């Protein structure tokens, strides 16, 4: 998996864009099995599908966030990077001990 963080200043506003792509076969399989981890975007929130949300699924982290100052933008980019790393680590460590197929003769 690859995470691209793009930071830029436009008209005195600070923008942090996040793009998650290039999933490995293992990551895709884990997401199919266990679902995509939810990544907190706090202190930001978004209006999606008729409601405000403060977390997004890992595969939905392709957004740009606006900040009023450099410190806030930098803090957000650092914390979101750590949140993604942590979520991916937990996802990769998960094991499916439930799925099985048993044949029982009666």
Protein backbone atom coordinates (compact mmCIF):
# COMPACT_ATOMS: atom_id res chain seq x y z
CA UNK A 1 0.00 0.00 0.00
CA UNK A 2 1.08 3.49 -0.70
CA UNK A 3 -0.07 6.67 1.05
CA UNK A 4 0.59 9.97 -0.69
CA UNK A 5 0.32 13.13 1.40
CA UNK A 6 0.36 16.33 -0.62
CA UNK A 7 0.62 19.61 1.27
CA UNK A 8 0.18 23.01 -0.36
CA UNK A 9 -0.78 26.61 0.37
CA UNK A 10 -3.37 28.40 -1.75
CA UNK A 11 -4.82 31.82 -1.02
CA UNK A 12 -3.49 31.73 2.54
CA UNK A 13 -5.12 28.35 3.30
CA UNK A 14 -3.20 25.17 4.03
CA UNK A 15 -4.31 21.98 2.31
CA UNK A 16 -3.42 18.38 3.09
CA UNK A 17 -4.48 15.84 0.47
CA UNK A 18 -4.42 12.14 1.23
CA UNK A 19 -4.44 9.40 -1.37
CA UNK A 20 -4.23 5.70 -0.49
CA UNK A 21 -3.50 3.30 -3.36
CA UNK A 22 -1.44 0.35 -4.57
CA UNK A 23 -2.84 -2.23 -2.16
CA UNK A 24 -1.01 -5.56 -2.02
CA UNK A 25 -2.89 -8.79 -2.62
CA UNK A 26 -2.59 -9.56 1.10
CA UNK A 27 -4.07 -6.18 2.06
CA UNK A 28 -6.96 -6.60 -0.36
CA UNK A 29 -7.69 -10.08 1.00
CA UNK A 30 -7.59 -8.83 4.62
CA UNK A 31 -9.97 -5.97 3.78
CA UNK A 32 -12.34 -8.42 2.05
CA UNK A 33 -12.24 -10.70 5.09
CA UNK A 34 -12.33 -8.21 7.97
CA UNK A 35 -13.57 -5.00 6.35
CA UNK A 36 -11.70 -1.76 5.85
CA UNK A 37 -10.35 -0.12 9.00
CA UNK A 38 -11.97 3.18 9.90
CA UNK A 39 -9.51 6.07 10.12
CA UNK A 40 -10.38 9.03 12.33
CA UNK A 41 -10.12 12.37 10.53
CA UNK A 42 -10.60 14.30 13.76
CA UNK A 43 -10.55 17.22 14.33
CA UNK A 44 -12.08 17.44 10.84
CA UNK A 45 -15.46 16.12 9.79
CA UNK A 46 -17.20 15.68 6.45
CA UNK A 47 -20.76 15.68 5.23
CA UNK A 48 -21.26 12.38 3.37
CA UNK A 49 -24.45 10.61 2.40
CA UNK A 50 -26.61 13.01 4.39
CA UNK A 51 -24.66 12.91 7.63
CA UNK A 52 -21.53 14.29 9.27
CA UNK A 53 -18.73 11.76 9.74
CA UNK A 54 -15.41 12.04 11.54
CA UNK A 55 -13.87 8.82 10.24
CA UNK A 56 -13.46 7.26 6.82
CA UNK A 57 -12.69 3.74 5.65
CA UNK A 58 -9.05 3.22 4.74
CA UNK A 59 -9.90 2.73 1.06
CA UNK A 60 -11.89 5.99 1.14
CA UNK A 61 -9.01 8.20 2.27
CA UNK A 62 -8.77 10.12 -1.01
CA UNK A 63 -9.68 13.60 0.17
CA UNK A 64 -8.25 17.05 0.72
CA UNK A 65 -8.56 18.86 4.06
CA UNK A 66 -8.26 22.61 4.59
CA UNK A 67 -6.60 24.34 7.56
CA UNK A 68 -6.14 27.94 8.61
CA UNK A 69 -2.49 27.62 9.64
CA UNK A 70 0.62 25.56 9.00
CA UNK A 71 0.79 24.09 12.51
CA UNK A 72 -2.72 22.64 12.29
CA UNK A 73 -2.05 21.22 8.82
CA UNK A 74 1.26 19.69 9.92
CA UNK A 75 -0.26 18.20 13.08
CA UNK A 76 -3.08 16.69 11.03
CA UNK A 77 -0.77 15.20 8.40
CA UNK A 78 1.47 13.69 11.10
CA UNK A 79 -1.42 12.24 13.11
CA UNK A 80 -3.33 10.89 10.09
CA UNK A 81 -0.15 9.16 8.88
CA UNK A 82 0.27 7.47 12.27
CA UNK A 83 -3.41 6.49 12.35
CA UNK A 84 -3.14 4.87 8.93
CA UNK A 85 0.09 3.05 9.83
CA UNK A 86 -1.46 1.75 13.04
CA UNK A 87 -4.65 0.59 11.32
CA UNK A 88 -2.73 -1.21 8.57
CA UNK A 89 -0.49 -2.92 11.15
CA UNK A 90 -3.53 -4.18 13.06
CA UNK A 91 -5.19 -5.30 9.83
CA UNK A 92 -2.11 -7.24 8.70
CA UNK A 93 -1.84 -8.95 12.10
CA UNK A 94 -5.45 -10.18 12.06
CA UNK A 95 -5.98 -13.87 11.43
CA UNK A 96 -9.14 -15.69 10.43
CA UNK A 97 -9.52 -18.45 13.00
CA UNK A 98 -13.26 -18.77 12.35
CA UNK A 99 -13.71 -19.74 8.71
CA UNK A 100 -13.77 -23.47 8.09
CA UNK A 101 -15.68 -26.22 6.40
CA UNK A 102 -16.57 -29.37 8.34
CA UNK A 103 -18.14 -32.49 6.92
CA UNK A 104 -20.21 -34.35 9.47
CA UNK A 105 -21.60 -37.79 8.70
CA UNK A 106 -24.93 -38.48 10.34
